[in-house]
Amino acid sequence: MTKANEYRTILRQLDHWDAYLLQESGLPGPRGNIELAQVVADEGDEPLFQRYITYTVEAAPVNSPYEFLVFCGIVGLGRLLAEGDTAQLPTLRRYASDPRWRVREGVAMALQRLGDVNMDRLIAAMREWSQGSPLEQRAVVAALCEPRLLKPAPAARAVLAILDQITASIEQVDQRRSDDFLALRKGLGYGWSVAVVARPAEGKALMEKWLAAPDKDICWIMKQNLKKARLARMDAAWVKTMSTR
């Protein structure tokens, strides 16, 4: 029996899940129990998810077991979204700016559930989000830059275009030291490499354009991507040329 199936069996035998989830959350600690959270998302219902996401930062601070409940609720909303309940999108967009980084990761995982069943719909929503705040843009990058979602060529091309637009928007940002902007910058610092591997010809051309840009943060983003092993596996000679340019 896999760990996920073990969790599933236990949850189906419990009338109330909170105590078990808090005990098995993995928090405080470096890594929350993502596998359990995915099972909760599969097995729970909307009232449960809505109750979990009501825990505020004060009641469920970063790295606390109660933060795990919020995380589970957010990922659960992604299951509802994937099942066709698009009314969950505004809630997820709001939590994309949550001060808790694990909650923000939950938003990306929730959105990826939609991408697994309807990538076109996810891309359409992310085009809208990409016009938003730095943390909303960061959610776009984290949600879309997932290898399994980029296997279809049209999806990979669309994601490259969204990354290009978000990167271009950086040139208009004045507040470069805020935590929100730095989170976006960090996300772009790996996201490009994922999308470029999916569509190398188009992706490399875009990266070359941005490597020549005068903006120091955009150059930092591109250089961080050049350090990723996935790009070296794709085209080591090109990476070496771009790194020494």
C-alpha atoms as a PDB file:
ATOM      1  CA  MET A   1       0.000   0.000   0.000  1.00  0.00           C
ATOM      2  CA  THR A   2       1.398   3.396  -0.954  1.00  0.00           C
ATOM      3  CA  LYS A   3       1.567   6.193   1.583  1.00  0.00           C
ATOM      4  CA  ALA A   4      -1.174   8.071  -0.286  1.00  0.00           C
ATOM      5  CA  ASN A   5      -3.471   5.043  -0.146  1.00  0.00           C
ATOM      6  CA  GLU A   6      -2.688   4.630   3.540  1.00  0.00           C
ATOM      7  CA  TYR A   7      -3.695   8.244   4.163  1.00  0.00           C
ATOM      8  CA  ARG A   8      -6.821   7.748   2.087  1.00  0.00           C
ATOM      9  CA  THR A   9      -7.861   4.690   4.080  1.00  0.00           C
ATOM     10  CA  ILE A  10      -7.314   6.466   7.398  1.00  0.00           C
ATOM     11  CA  LEU A  11      -9.229   9.604   6.389  1.00  0.00           C
ATOM     12  CA  ARG A  12     -12.196   7.558   5.187  1.00  0.00           C
ATOM     13  CA  GLN A  13     -12.398   5.947   8.632  1.00  0.00           C
ATOM     14  CA  LEU A  14     -12.320   9.260  10.537  1.00  0.00           C
ATOM     15  CA  ASP A  15     -15.345  11.432  11.224  1.00  0.00           C
ATOM     16  CA  HIS A  16     -13.187  14.464  11.959  1.00  0.00           C
ATOM     17  CA  TRP A  17      -9.862  15.058  10.238  1.00  0.00           C
ATOM     18  CA  ASP A  18      -8.385  18.088  11.971  1.00  0.00           C
ATOM     19  CA  ALA A  19      -6.471  16.381  14.769  1.00  0.00           C
ATOM     20  CA  TYR A  20      -4.984  13.793  12.419  1.00  0.00           C
ATOM     21  CA  LEU A  21      -3.943  16.420   9.862  1.00  0.00           C
ATOM     22  CA  LEU A  22      -2.339  18.577  12.524  1.00  0.00           C
ATOM     23  CA  GLN A  23      -0.430  15.562  13.874  1.00  0.00           C
ATOM     24  CA  GLU A  24       0.760  14.444  10.422  1.00  0.00           C
ATOM     25  CA  SER A  25       1.337  17.915   8.947  1.00  0.00           C
ATOM     26  CA  GLY A  26       5.137  17.743   9.189  1.00  0.00           C
ATOM     27  CA  LEU A  27       5.104  21.244  10.653  1.00  0.00           C
ATOM     28  CA  PRO A  28       6.942  22.861  12.201  1.00  0.00           C
ATOM     29  CA  GLY A  29       9.680  21.598   9.931  1.00  0.00           C
ATOM     30  CA  PRO A  30      11.355  22.165   6.586  1.00  0.00           C
ATOM     31  CA  ARG A  31       8.709  20.358   4.562  1.00  0.00           C
ATOM     32  CA  GLY A  32       4.985  20.009   5.006  1.00  0.00           C
ATOM     33  CA  ASN A  33       3.241  16.732   4.209  1.00  0.00           C
ATOM     34  CA  ILE A  34       2.379  17.454   0.574  1.00  0.00           C
ATOM     35  CA  GLU A  35       1.309  13.878  -0.133  1.00  0.00           C
ATOM     36  CA  LEU A  36      -1.262  14.017   2.656  1.00  0.00           C
ATOM     37  CA  ALA A  37      -2.492  17.411   1.460  1.00  0.00           C
ATOM     38  CA  GLN A  38      -3.128  16.002  -2.008  1.00  0.00           C
ATOM     39  CA  VAL A  39      -5.189  13.176  -0.512  1.00  0.00           C
ATOM     40  CA  VAL A  40      -7.183  15.681   1.556  1.00  0.00           C
ATOM     41  CA  ALA A  41      -7.851  17.626  -1.641  1.00  0.00           C
ATOM     42  CA  ASP A  42      -9.088  14.442  -3.327  1.00  0.00           C
ATOM     43  CA  GLU A  43     -11.252  13.257  -0.443  1.00  0.00           C
ATOM     44  CA  GLY A  44     -12.584  16.462   1.117  1.00  0.00           C
ATOM     45  CA  ASP A  45     -15.539  18.646   0.195  1.00  0.00           C
ATOM     46  CA  GLU A  46     -16.051  22.376  -0.288  1.00  0.00           C
ATOM     47  CA  PRO A  47     -17.317  23.129   3.250  1.00  0.00           C
ATOM     48  CA  LEU A  48     -14.159  21.549   4.653  1.00  0.00           C
ATOM     49  CA  PHE A  49     -11.897  23.473   2.293  1.00  0.00           C
ATOM     50  CA  GLN A  50     -13.672  26.749   2.989  1.00  0.00           C
ATOM     51  CA  ARG A  51     -13.365  26.205   6.737  1.00  0.00           C
ATOM     52  CA  TYR A  52      -9.655  25.503   6.474  1.00  0.00           C
ATOM     53  CA  ILE A  53      -8.837  28.588   4.442  1.00  0.00           C
ATOM     54  CA  THR A  54     -10.472  30.849   7.035  1.00  0.00           C
ATOM     55  CA  TYR A  55      -7.496  30.369   9.375  1.00  0.00           C
ATOM     56  CA  THR A  56      -5.772  33.734   9.417  1.00  0.00           C
ATOM     57  CA  VAL A  57      -2.056  34.420   9.631  1.00  0.00           C
ATOM     58  CA  GLU A  58      -2.511  35.066  13.351  1.00  0.00           C
ATOM     59  CA  ALA A  59      -4.326  31.773  13.947  1.00  0.00           C
ATOM     60  CA  ALA A  60      -2.187  29.762  11.521  1.00  0.00           C
ATOM     61  CA  PRO A  61       1.239  31.399  11.299  1.00  0.00           C
ATOM     62  CA  VAL A  62       4.048  30.316   9.012  1.00  0.00           C
ATOM     63  CA  ASN A  63       5.458  26.854   9.775  1.00  0.00           C
ATOM     64  CA  SER A  64       2.690  25.955  12.208  1.00  0.00           C
ATOM     65  CA  PRO A  65       0.510  22.833  11.919  1.00  0.00           C
ATOM     66  CA  TYR A  66      -2.532  25.045  11.392  1.00  0.00           C
ATOM     67  CA  GLU A  67      -0.911  26.540   8.311  1.00  0.00           C
ATOM     68  CA  PHE A  68      -1.076  23.015   6.901  1.00  0.00           C
ATOM     69  CA  LEU A  69      -4.870  23.097   7.172  1.00  0.00           C
ATOM     70  CA  VAL A  70      -4.949  26.264   5.080  1.00  0.00           C
ATOM     71  CA  PHE A  71      -2.630  24.633   2.564  1.00  0.00           C
ATOM     72  CA  CYS A  72      -4.931  21.604   2.318  1.00  0.00           C
ATOM     73  CA  GLY A  73      -7.954  23.839   1.814  1.00  0.00           C
ATOM     74  CA  ILE A  74      -6.299  25.788  -0.984  1.00  0.00           C
ATOM     75  CA  VAL A  75      -5.215  22.653  -2.847  1.00  0.00           C
ATOM     76  CA  GLY A  76      -8.720  21.308  -2.350  1.00  0.00           C
ATOM     77  CA  LEU A  77     -10.168  24.349  -4.088  1.00  0.00           C
ATOM     78  CA  GLY A  78      -7.972  23.354  -7.022  1.00  0.00           C
ATOM     79  CA  ARG A  79      -9.782  20.030  -7.238  1.00  0.00           C
ATOM     80  CA  LEU A  80     -13.123  21.838  -7.378  1.00  0.00           C
ATOM     81  CA  LEU A  81     -11.706  24.142 -10.030  1.00  0.00           C
ATOM     82  CA  ALA A  82     -10.539  21.179 -12.089  1.00  0.00           C
ATOM     83  CA  GLU A  83     -14.030  19.717 -11.811  1.00  0.00           C
ATOM     84  CA  GLY A  84     -15.435  22.844 -13.463  1.00  0.00           C
ATOM     85  CA  ASP A  85     -16.133  25.198 -10.554  1.00  0.00           C
ATOM     86  CA  THR A  86     -14.488  28.315 -11.998  1.00  0.00           C
ATOM     87  CA  ALA A  87     -15.947  30.375  -9.142  1.00  0.00           C
ATOM     88  CA  GLN A  88     -12.906  29.233  -7.135  1.00  0.00           C
ATOM     89  CA  LEU A  89     -10.522  31.294  -9.281  1.00  0.00           C
ATOM     90  CA  PRO A  90     -11.082  34.647  -7.511  1.00  0.00           C
ATOM     91  CA  THR A  91     -10.461  33.018  -4.130  1.00  0.00           C
ATOM     92  CA  LEU A  92      -7.248  31.431  -5.358  1.00  0.00           C
ATOM     93  CA  ARG A  93      -6.150  34.742  -6.838  1.00  0.00           C
ATOM     94  CA  ARG A  94      -6.652  36.415  -3.473  1.00  0.00           C
ATOM     95  CA  TYR A  95      -4.566  33.774  -1.702  1.00  0.00           C
ATOM     96  CA  ALA A  96      -1.798  34.150  -4.280  1.00  0.00           C
ATOM     97  CA  SER A  97      -0.840  37.242  -2.264  1.00  0.00           C
ATOM     98  CA  ASP A  98      -1.017  35.545   1.134  1.00  0.00           C
ATOM     99  CA  PRO A  99       1.997  36.383   3.351  1.00  0.00           C
ATOM    100  CA  ARG A 100       2.582  32.662   4.019  1.00  0.00           C
ATOM    101  CA  TRP A 101       4.807  31.147   1.340  1.00  0.00           C
ATOM    102  CA  ARG A 102       3.354  27.655   1.762  1.00  0.00           C
ATOM    103  CA  VAL A 103      -0.127  28.985   1.116  1.00  0.00           C
ATOM    104  CA  ARG A 104       1.160  30.639  -2.051  1.00  0.00           C
ATOM    105  CA  GLU A 105       2.665  27.298  -3.096  1.00  0.00           C
ATOM    106  CA  GLY A 106      -0.726  25.733  -2.473  1.00  0.00           C
ATOM    107  CA  VAL A 107      -2.250  28.165  -4.959  1.00  0.00           C
ATOM    108  CA  ALA A 108       0.213  27.058  -7.650  1.00  0.00           C
ATOM    109  CA  MET A 109      -0.543  23.401  -6.953  1.00  0.00           C
ATOM    110  CA  ALA A 110      -4.270  24.115  -7.076  1.00  0.00           C
ATOM    111  CA  LEU A 111      -3.928  25.828 -10.449  1.00  0.00           C
ATOM    112  CA  GLN A 112      -1.899  22.922 -11.795  1.00  0.00           C
ATOM    113  CA  ARG A 113      -4.837  20.641 -11.098  1.00  0.00           C
ATOM    114  CA  LEU A 114      -6.814  22.735 -13.557  1.00  0.00           C
ATOM    115  CA  GLY A 115      -3.942  22.533 -16.049  1.00  0.00           C
ATOM    116  CA  ASP A 116      -3.946  18.750 -15.815  1.00  0.00           C
ATOM    117  CA  VAL A 117      -7.493  18.620 -17.175  1.00  0.00           C
ATOM    118  CA  ASN A 118      -7.864  21.864 -19.151  1.00  0.00           C
ATOM    119  CA  MET A 119      -4.640  23.652 -19.985  1.00  0.00           C
ATOM    120  CA  ASP A 120      -6.382  26.103 -22.299  1.00  0.00           C
ATOM    121  CA  ARG A 121      -8.578  27.320 -19.462  1.00  0.00           C
ATOM    122  CA  LEU A 122      -5.607  27.641 -17.129  1.00  0.00           C
ATOM    123  CA  ILE A 123      -3.644  29.628 -19.698  1.00  0.00           C
ATOM    124  CA  ALA A 124      -6.592  31.966 -20.249  1.00  0.00           C
ATOM    125  CA  ALA A 125      -6.863  32.628 -16.513  1.00  0.00           C
ATOM    126  CA  MET A 126      -3.121  33.105 -16.141  1.00  0.00           C
ATOM    127  CA  ARG A 127      -3.051  35.677 -18.944  1.00  0.00           C
ATOM    128  CA  GLU A 128      -5.401  37.750 -16.798  1.00  0.00           C
ATOM    129  CA  TRP A 129      -3.433  37.190 -13.596  1.00  0.00           C
ATOM    130  CA  SER A 130      -0.197  38.106 -15.375  1.00  0.00           C
ATOM    131  CA  GLN A 131      -1.450  41.695 -15.522  1.00  0.00           C
ATOM    132  CA  GLY A 132      -1.710  41.797 -11.730  1.00  0.00           C
ATOM    133  CA  SER A 133       0.583  42.310  -8.754  1.00  0.00           C
ATOM    134  CA  PRO A 134       4.068  40.792  -8.422  1.00  0.00           C
ATOM    135  CA  LEU A 135       2.772  37.971  -6.227  1.00  0.00           C
ATOM    136  CA  GLU A 136      -0.033  37.244  -8.681  1.00  0.00           C
ATOM    137  CA  GLN A 137       2.539  37.147 -11.453  1.00  0.00           C
ATOM    138  CA  ARG A 138       4.687  34.883  -9.307  1.00  0.00           C
ATOM    139  CA  ALA A 139       1.720  32.501  -8.961  1.00  0.00           C
ATOM    140  CA  VAL A 140       1.399  32.460 -12.748  1.00  0.00           C
ATOM    141  CA  VAL A 141       5.044  31.466 -13.140  1.00  0.00           C
ATOM    142  CA  ALA A 142       4.868  28.790 -10.440  1.00  0.00           C
ATOM    143  CA  ALA A 143       1.652  27.310 -11.835  1.00  0.00           C
ATOM    144  CA  LEU A 144       2.607  27.235 -15.506  1.00  0.00           C
ATOM    145  CA  CYS A 145       6.288  26.294 -15.315  1.00  0.00           C
ATOM    146  CA  GLU A 146       5.658  22.642 -14.594  1.00  0.00           C
ATOM    147  CA  PRO A 147       7.122  20.138 -17.097  1.00  0.00           C
ATOM    148  CA  ARG A 148       4.083  17.877 -17.251  1.00  0.00           C
ATOM    149  CA  LEU A 149       1.875  20.787 -18.309  1.00  0.00           C
ATOM    150  CA  LEU A 150       4.189  21.925 -21.111  1.00  0.00           C
ATOM    151  CA  LYS A 151       4.345  18.752 -23.192  1.00  0.00           C
ATOM    152  CA  PRO A 152       1.804  19.994 -25.779  1.00  0.00           C
ATOM    153  CA  ALA A 153       3.576  22.469 -28.066  1.00  0.00           C
ATOM    154  CA  PRO A 154       0.735  25.049 -28.077  1.00  0.00           C
ATOM    155  CA  ALA A 155       0.764  25.161 -24.273  1.00  0.00           C
ATOM    156  CA  ALA A 156       4.537  25.633 -24.143  1.00  0.00           C
ATOM    157  CA  ARG A 157       4.392  28.445 -26.700  1.00  0.00           C
ATOM    158  CA  ALA A 158       1.619  30.182 -24.783  1.00  0.00           C
ATOM    159  CA  VAL A 159       3.562  29.929 -21.531  1.00  0.00           C
ATOM    160  CA  LEU A 160       6.683  31.377 -23.149  1.00  0.00           C
ATOM    161  CA  ALA A 161       4.606  34.320 -24.335  1.00  0.00           C
ATOM    162  CA  ILE A 162       3.254  34.882 -20.827  1.00  0.00           C
ATOM    163  CA  LEU A 163       6.748  34.720 -19.334  1.00  0.00           C
ATOM    164  CA  ASP A 164       7.920  37.193 -21.948  1.00  0.00           C
ATOM    165  CA  GLN A 165       5.141  39.613 -21.006  1.00  0.00           C
ATOM    166  CA  ILE A 166       5.810  39.299 -17.263  1.00  0.00           C
ATOM    167  CA  THR A 167       9.529  39.810 -17.804  1.00  0.00           C
ATOM    168  CA  ALA A 168       8.845  42.902 -19.908  1.00  0.00           C
ATOM    169  CA  SER A 169       6.718  44.329 -17.098  1.00  0.00           C
ATOM    170  CA  ILE A 170       9.742  44.292 -14.778  1.00  0.00           C
ATOM    171  CA  GLU A 171      11.198  47.223 -16.669  1.00  0.00           C
ATOM    172  CA  GLN A 172       8.356  49.362 -15.293  1.00  0.00           C
ATOM    173  CA  VAL A 173       8.824  48.319 -11.641  1.00  0.00           C
ATOM    174  CA  ASP A 174      10.247  50.967  -9.314  1.00  0.00           C
ATOM    175  CA  GLN A 175      10.137  49.110  -5.979  1.00  0.00           C
ATOM    176  CA  ARG A 176      12.774  46.465  -6.579  1.00  0.00           C
ATOM    177  CA  ARG A 177      13.560  45.666  -2.923  1.00  0.00           C
ATOM    178  CA  SER A 178      10.105  44.589  -1.783  1.00  0.00           C
ATOM    179  CA  ASP A 179       9.578  40.985  -0.717  1.00  0.00           C
ATOM    180  CA  ASP A 180       6.833  40.641  -3.325  1.00  0.00           C
ATOM    181  CA  PHE A 181       9.094  41.667  -6.189  1.00  0.00           C
ATOM    182  CA  LEU A 182      11.921  39.464  -4.946  1.00  0.00           C
ATOM    183  CA  ALA A 183       9.542  36.490  -4.838  1.00  0.00           C
ATOM    184  CA  LEU A 184       8.582  37.145  -8.461  1.00  0.00           C
ATOM    185  CA  ARG A 185      12.219  37.516  -9.464  1.00  0.00           C
ATOM    186  CA  LYS A 186      13.088  34.221  -7.791  1.00  0.00           C
ATOM    187  CA  GLY A 187      10.226  32.456  -9.560  1.00  0.00           C
ATOM    188  CA  LEU A 188      11.300  33.772 -12.940  1.00  0.00           C
ATOM    189  CA  GLY A 189      14.842  32.716 -12.036  1.00  0.00           C
ATOM    190  CA  TYR A 190      13.861  29.071 -12.592  1.00  0.00           C
ATOM    191  CA  GLY A 191      10.614  29.260 -14.550  1.00  0.00           C
ATOM    192  CA  TRP A 192      12.177  30.301 -17.832  1.00  0.00           C
ATOM    193  CA  SER A 193      14.418  27.231 -17.899  1.00  0.00           C
ATOM    194  CA  VAL A 194      11.423  24.914 -17.560  1.00  0.00           C
ATOM    195  CA  ALA A 195       9.570  26.542 -20.445  1.00  0.00           C
ATOM    196  CA  VAL A 196      12.667  26.774 -22.666  1.00  0.00           C
ATOM    197  CA  VAL A 197      13.331  23.041 -22.346  1.00  0.00           C
ATOM    198  CA  ALA A 198       9.772  22.438 -23.524  1.00  0.00           C
ATOM    199  CA  ARG A 199      10.250  24.580 -26.673  1.00  0.00           C
ATOM    200  CA  PRO A 200      13.999  25.090 -27.153  1.00  0.00           C
ATOM    201  CA  ALA A 201      14.084  27.061 -30.399  1.00  0.00           C
ATOM    202  CA  GLU A 202      11.523  29.688 -29.372  1.00  0.00           C
ATOM    203  CA  GLY A 203      12.671  29.738 -25.769  1.00  0.00           C
ATOM    204  CA  LYS A 204      16.357  30.231 -26.490  1.00  0.00           C
ATOM    205  CA  ALA A 205      15.586  33.128 -28.825  1.00  0.00           C
ATOM    206  CA  LEU A 206      13.583  34.872 -26.106  1.00  0.00           C
ATOM    207  CA  MET A 207      16.250  34.287 -23.480  1.00  0.00           C
ATOM    208  CA  GLU A 208      18.908  35.689 -25.809  1.00  0.00           C
ATOM    209  CA  LYS A 209      16.801  38.813 -26.233  1.00  0.00           C
ATOM    210  CA  TRP A 210      16.516  39.317 -22.488  1.00  0.00           C
ATOM    211  CA  LEU A 211      20.180  38.505 -21.836  1.00  0.00           C
ATOM    212  CA  ALA A 212      20.962  41.552 -23.951  1.00  0.00           C
ATOM    213  CA  ALA A 213      18.589  43.775 -21.988  1.00  0.00           C
ATOM    214  CA  PRO A 214      20.135  46.568 -19.873  1.00  0.00           C
ATOM    215  CA  ASP A 215      17.848  45.896 -16.882  1.00  0.00           C
ATOM    216  CA  LYS A 216      19.969  44.381 -14.110  1.00  0.00           C
ATOM    217  CA  ASP A 217      17.151  42.314 -12.577  1.00  0.00           C
ATOM    218  CA  ILE A 218      16.181  40.821 -15.925  1.00  0.00           C
ATOM    219  CA  CYS A 219      19.813  39.926 -16.550  1.00  0.00           C
ATOM    220  CA  TRP A 220      19.966  38.323 -13.091  1.00  0.00           C
ATOM    221  CA  ILE A 221      16.865  36.264 -13.911  1.00  0.00           C
ATOM    222  CA  MET A 222      18.325  34.993 -17.171  1.00  0.00           C
ATOM    223  CA  LYS A 223      21.692  34.187 -15.589  1.00  0.00           C
ATOM    224  CA  GLN A 224      19.978  32.182 -12.852  1.00  0.00           C
ATOM    225  CA  ASN A 225      18.197  30.127 -15.494  1.00  0.00           C
ATOM    226  CA  LEU A 226      21.471  29.458 -17.295  1.00  0.00           C
ATOM    227  CA  LYS A 227      22.708  27.790 -14.097  1.00  0.00           C
ATOM    228  CA  LYS A 228      19.910  25.214 -14.159  1.00  0.00           C
ATOM    229  CA  ALA A 229      21.013  21.688 -15.057  1.00  0.00           C
ATOM    230  CA  ARG A 230      17.972  21.169 -17.274  1.00  0.00           C
ATOM    231  CA  LEU A 231      19.278  23.788 -19.703  1.00  0.00           C
ATOM    232  CA  ALA A 232      22.742  22.228 -19.785  1.00  0.00           C
ATOM    233  CA  ARG A 233      21.182  18.850 -20.567  1.00  0.00           C
ATOM    234  CA  MET A 234      19.194  20.493 -23.361  1.00  0.00           C
ATOM    235  CA  ASP A 235      22.114  22.329 -25.030  1.00  0.00           C
ATOM    236  CA  ALA A 236      25.360  22.587 -23.088  1.00  0.00           C
ATOM    237  CA  ALA A 237      27.178  24.462 -25.856  1.00  0.00           C
ATOM    238  CA  TRP A 238      24.493  27.144 -26.011  1.00  0.00           C
ATOM    239  CA  VAL A 239      24.508  27.562 -22.234  1.00  0.00           C
ATOM    240  CA  LYS A 240      28.276  27.973 -22.262  1.00  0.00           C
ATOM    241  CA  THR A 241      28.095  30.558 -25.032  1.00  0.00           C
ATOM    242  CA  MET A 242      25.364  32.544 -23.279  1.00  0.00           C
ATOM    243  CA  SER A 243      27.130  32.349 -19.924  1.00  0.00           C
ATOM    244  CA  THR A 244      30.369  33.786 -21.296  1.00  0.00           C
ATOM    245  CA  ARG A 245      28.769  36.422 -23.516  1.00  0.00           C
END
